[in-house]
C-alpha cells in the first residue's frame, strides 16, 4: 500500500515539475515577444 502512495506522489511530482518548466518557457517566450513589440511600437511612434 505504501508503494502505491510513493509511486503516485513521485509521478505527480514529475508531472508538476514538467508542467512548471513548460509554463516558464511559454512565459519567457511571450515576455520576449512583448518586449520586441514594445520596441517596434516605440520606434514607430517617433
PDB file of N, CA and C in Angstrom:
ATOM      1  N   UNK A   1       0.831  -1.202   0.000  1.00  0.00           N
ATOM      2  CA  UNK A   1       0.000   0.000   0.000  1.00  0.00           C
ATOM      3  C   UNK A   1       0.871   1.259   0.000  1.00  0.00           C
ATOM      4  N   UNK A   2       1.920   1.248   0.794  1.00  0.00           N
ATOM      5  CA  UNK A   2       2.792   2.435   0.837  1.00  0.00           C
ATOM      6  C   UNK A   2       3.502   2.643  -0.499  1.00  0.00           C
ATOM      7  N   UNK A   3       3.753   1.534  -1.218  1.00  0.00           N
ATOM      8  CA  UNK A   3       4.410   1.665  -2.522  1.00  0.00           C
ATOM      9  C   UNK A   3       3.520   2.434  -3.498  1.00  0.00           C
ATOM     10  N   UNK A   4       2.226   2.162  -3.439  1.00  0.00           N
ATOM     11  CA  UNK A   4       1.296   2.861  -4.332  1.00  0.00           C
ATOM     12  C   UNK A   4       1.307   4.357  -4.041  1.00  0.00           C
ATOM     13  N   UNK A   5       1.330   4.716  -2.790  1.00  0.00           N
ATOM     14  CA  UNK A   5       1.347   6.128  -2.416  1.00  0.00           C
ATOM     15  C   UNK A   5       2.642   6.780  -2.881  1.00  0.00           C
ATOM     16  N   UNK A   6       3.761   6.091  -2.709  1.00  0.00           N
ATOM     17  CA  UNK A   6       5.043   6.655  -3.129  1.00  0.00           C
ATOM     18  C   UNK A   6       5.106   6.830  -4.641  1.00  0.00           C
ATOM     19  N   UNK A   7       4.661   5.820  -5.380  1.00  0.00           N
ATOM     20  CA  UNK A   7       4.684   5.922  -6.843  1.00  0.00           C
ATOM     21  C   UNK A   7       3.764   7.041  -7.312  1.00  0.00           C
ATOM     22  N   UNK A   8       2.591   7.148  -6.720  1.00  0.00           N
ATOM     23  CA  UNK A   8       1.644   8.188  -7.122  1.00  0.00           C
ATOM     24  C   UNK A   8       2.198   9.576  -6.827  1.00  0.00           C
ATOM     25  N   UNK A   9       2.802   9.747  -5.659  1.00  0.00           N
ATOM     26  CA  UNK A   9       3.329  11.073  -5.324  1.00  0.00           C
ATOM     27  C   UNK A   9       4.538  11.416  -6.189  1.00  0.00           C
ATOM     28  N   UNK A  10       5.370  10.421  -6.506  1.00  0.00           N
ATOM     29  CA  UNK A  10       6.516  10.681  -7.377  1.00  0.00           C
ATOM     30  C   UNK A  10       6.042  11.050  -8.780  1.00  0.00           C
ATOM     31  N   UNK A  11       5.041  10.334  -9.281  1.00  0.00           N
ATOM     32  CA  UNK A  11       4.506  10.643 -10.608  1.00  0.00           C
ATOM     33  C   UNK A  11       3.908  12.043 -10.635  1.00  0.00           C
ATOM     34  N   UNK A  12       3.166  12.386  -9.608  1.00  0.00           N
ATOM     35  CA  UNK A  12       2.568  13.717  -9.537  1.00  0.00           C
ATOM     36  C   UNK A  12       3.647  14.797  -9.481  1.00  0.00           C
ATOM     37  N   UNK A  13       4.709  14.533  -8.725  1.00  0.00           N
ATOM     38  CA  UNK A  13       5.801  15.497  -8.650  1.00  0.00           C
ATOM     39  C   UNK A  13       6.468  15.712  -9.989  1.00  0.00           C
ATOM     40  N   UNK A  14       6.688  14.622 -10.727  1.00  0.00           N
ATOM     41  CA  UNK A  14       7.321  14.738 -12.047  1.00  0.00           C
ATOM     42  C   UNK A  14       6.421  15.510 -13.002  1.00  0.00           C
ATOM     43  N   UNK A  15       5.131  15.207 -12.978  1.00  0.00           N
ATOM     44  CA  UNK A  15       4.198  15.898 -13.872  1.00  0.00           C
ATOM     45  C   UNK A  15       4.159  17.390 -13.561  1.00  0.00           C
ATOM     46  N   UNK A  16       4.092  17.734 -12.286  1.00  0.00           N
ATOM     47  CA  UNK A  16       4.053  19.149 -11.915  1.00  0.00           C
ATOM     48  C   UNK A  16       5.349  19.859 -12.283  1.00  0.00           C
ATOM     49  N   UNK A  17       6.488  19.161 -12.138  1.00  0.00           N
ATOM     50  CA  UNK A  17       7.773  19.747 -12.495  1.00  0.00           C
ATOM     51  C   UNK A  17       7.835  20.041 -13.991  1.00  0.00           C
ATOM     52  N   UNK A  18       7.416  19.063 -14.792  1.00  0.00           N
ATOM     53  CA  UNK A  18       7.445  19.272 -16.241  1.00  0.00           C
ATOM     54  C   UNK A  18       6.475  20.376 -16.655  1.00  0.00           C
ATOM     55  N   UNK A  19       5.326  20.439 -16.018  1.00  0.00           N
ATOM     56  CA  UNK A  19       4.355  21.481 -16.337  1.00  0.00           C
ATOM     57  C   UNK A  19       4.897  22.864 -15.975  1.00  0.00           C
ATOM     58  N   UNK A  20       5.598  22.956 -14.862  1.00  0.00           N
ATOM     59  CA  UNK A  20       6.176  24.240 -14.457  1.00  0.00           C
ATOM     60  C   UNK A  20       7.260  24.682 -15.433  1.00  0.00           C
ATOM     61  N   UNK A  21       8.086  23.735 -15.881  1.00  0.00           N
ATOM     62  CA  UNK A  21       9.119  24.083 -16.863  1.00  0.00           C
ATOM     63  C   UNK A  21       8.500  24.570 -18.154  1.00  0.00           C
ATOM     64  N   UNK A  22       7.452  23.868 -18.625  1.00  0.00           N
ATOM     65  CA  UNK A  22       6.795  24.271 -19.867  1.00  0.00           C
ATOM     66  C   UNK A  22       6.157  25.652 -19.725  1.00  0.00           C
ATOM     67  N   UNK A  23       5.510  25.904 -18.598  1.00  0.00           N
ATOM     68  CA  UNK A  23       4.876  27.202 -18.376  1.00  0.00           C
ATOM     69  C   UNK A  23       5.917  28.319 -18.324  1.00  0.00           C
ATOM     70  N   UNK A  24       7.043  28.052 -17.680  1.00  0.00           N
ATOM     71  CA  UNK A  24       8.099  29.064 -17.609  1.00  0.00           C
ATOM     72  C   UNK A  24       8.628  29.380 -19.001  1.00  0.00           C
ATOM     73  N   UNK A  25       8.754  28.359 -19.835  1.00  0.00           N
ATOM     74  CA  UNK A  25       9.236  28.584 -21.199  1.00  0.00           C
ATOM     75  C   UNK A  25       8.239  29.424 -21.981  1.00  0.00           C
ATOM     76  N   UNK A  26       6.937  29.135 -21.835  1.00  0.00           N
ATOM     77  CA  UNK A  26       5.912  29.914 -22.525  1.00  0.00           C
ATOM     78  C   UNK A  26       5.902  31.362 -22.034  1.00  0.00           C
ATOM     79  N   UNK A  27       6.011  31.566 -20.730  1.00  0.00           N
ATOM     80  CA  UNK A  27       6.010  32.920 -20.176  1.00  0.00           C
ATOM     81  C   UNK A  27       7.216  33.701 -20.694  1.00  0.00           C
ATOM     82  N   UNK A  28       8.380  33.045 -20.715  1.00  0.00           N
ATOM     83  CA  UNK A  28       9.584  33.703 -21.195  1.00  0.00           C
ATOM     84  C   UNK A  28       9.431  34.077 -22.669  1.00  0.00           C
ATOM     85  N   UNK A  29       8.865  33.176 -23.474  1.00  0.00           N
ATOM     86  CA  UNK A  29       8.687  33.448 -24.896  1.00  0.00           C
ATOM     87  C   UNK A  29       7.724  34.609 -25.102  1.00  0.00           C
ATOM     88  N   UNK A  30       6.622  34.625 -24.359  1.00  0.00           N
ATOM     89  CA  UNK A  30       5.649  35.705 -24.501  1.00  0.00           C
ATOM     90  C   UNK A  30       6.234  37.036 -24.037  1.00  0.00           C
ATOM     91  N   UNK A  31       7.038  37.012 -22.970  1.00  0.00           N
ATOM     92  CA  UNK A  31       7.638  38.243 -22.467  1.00  0.00           C
ATOM     93  C   UNK A  31       8.624  38.809 -23.486  1.00  0.00           C
ATOM     94  N   UNK A  32       9.429  37.928 -24.100  1.00  0.00           N
ATOM     95  CA  UNK A  32      10.367  38.398 -25.116  1.00  0.00           C
ATOM     96  C   UNK A  32       9.618  38.991 -26.305  1.00  0.00           C
ATOM     97  N   UNK A  33       8.528  38.362 -26.681  1.00  0.00           N
ATOM     98  CA  UNK A  33       7.753  38.859 -27.814  1.00  0.00           C
ATOM     99  C   UNK A  33       7.140  40.213 -27.487  1.00  0.00           C
ATOM    100  N   UNK A  34       6.639  40.387 -26.262  1.00  0.00           N
ATOM    101  CA  UNK A  34       6.006  41.651 -25.908  1.00  0.00           C
ATOM    102  C   UNK A  34       7.050  42.764 -25.816  1.00  0.00           C
ATOM    103  N   UNK A  35       8.256  42.439 -25.340  1.00  0.00           N
ATOM    104  CA  UNK A  35       9.318  43.447 -25.295  1.00  0.00           C
ATOM    105  C   UNK A  35       9.695  43.871 -26.710  1.00  0.00           C
ATOM    106  N   UNK A  36       9.796  42.909 -27.627  1.00  0.00           N
ATOM    107  CA  UNK A  36      10.138  43.239 -29.013  1.00  0.00           C
ATOM    108  C   UNK A  36       9.046  44.092 -29.647  1.00  0.00           C
ATOM    109  N   UNK A  37       7.791  43.782 -29.384  1.00  0.00           N
ATOM    110  CA  UNK A  37       6.713  44.576 -29.971  1.00  0.00           C
ATOM    111  C   UNK A  37       6.683  45.975 -29.359  1.00  0.00           C
ATOM    112  N   UNK A  38       7.026  46.112 -28.075  1.00  0.00           N
ATOM    113  CA  UNK A  38       7.071  47.439 -27.471  1.00  0.00           C
ATOM    114  C   UNK A  38       8.167  48.280 -28.115  1.00  0.00           C
ATOM    115  N   UNK A  39       9.295  47.660 -28.417  1.00  0.00           N
ATOM    116  CA  UNK A  39      10.376  48.397 -29.072  1.00  0.00           C
ATOM    117  C   UNK A  39       9.926  48.856 -30.449  1.00  0.00           C
ATOM    118  N   UNK A  40       9.245  47.981 -31.185  1.00  0.00           N
ATOM    119  CA  UNK A  40       8.765  48.346 -32.521  1.00  0.00           C
ATOM    120  C   UNK A  40       7.740  49.479 -32.418  1.00  0.00           C
ATOM    121  N   UNK A  41       6.819  49.385 -31.463  1.00  0.00           N
ATOM    122  CA  UNK A  41       5.819  50.443 -31.307  1.00  0.00           C
ATOM    123  C   UNK A  41       6.479  51.754 -30.894  1.00  0.00           C
ATOM    124  N   UNK A  42       7.486  51.675 -30.043  1.00  0.00           N
ATOM    125  CA  UNK A  42       8.170  52.876 -29.592  1.00  0.00           C
ATOM    126  C   UNK A  42       8.869  53.557 -30.760  1.00  0.00           C
ATOM    127  N   UNK A  43       9.499  52.775 -31.616  1.00  0.00           N
ATOM    128  CA  UNK A  43      10.187  53.371 -32.765  1.00  0.00           C
ATOM    129  C   UNK A  43       9.200  53.969 -33.758  1.00  0.00           C
ATOM    130  N   UNK A  44       8.056  53.311 -33.958  1.00  0.00           N
ATOM    131  CA  UNK A  44       7.101  53.815 -34.945  1.00  0.00           C
ATOM    132  C   UNK A  44       6.387  55.069 -34.451  1.00  0.00           C
ATOM    133  N   UNK A  45       6.342  55.283 -33.152  1.00  0.00           N
ATOM    134  CA  UNK A  45       5.642  56.463 -32.639  1.00  0.00           C
ATOM    135  C   UNK A  45       6.490  57.724 -32.750  1.00  0.00           C
ATOM    136  N   UNK A  46       7.757  57.574 -32.997  1.00  0.00           N
ATOM    137  CA  UNK A  46       8.617  58.759 -33.101  1.00  0.00           C
ATOM    138  C   UNK A  46       8.521  59.409 -34.464  1.00  0.00           C
TER     139      UNK A  46
END
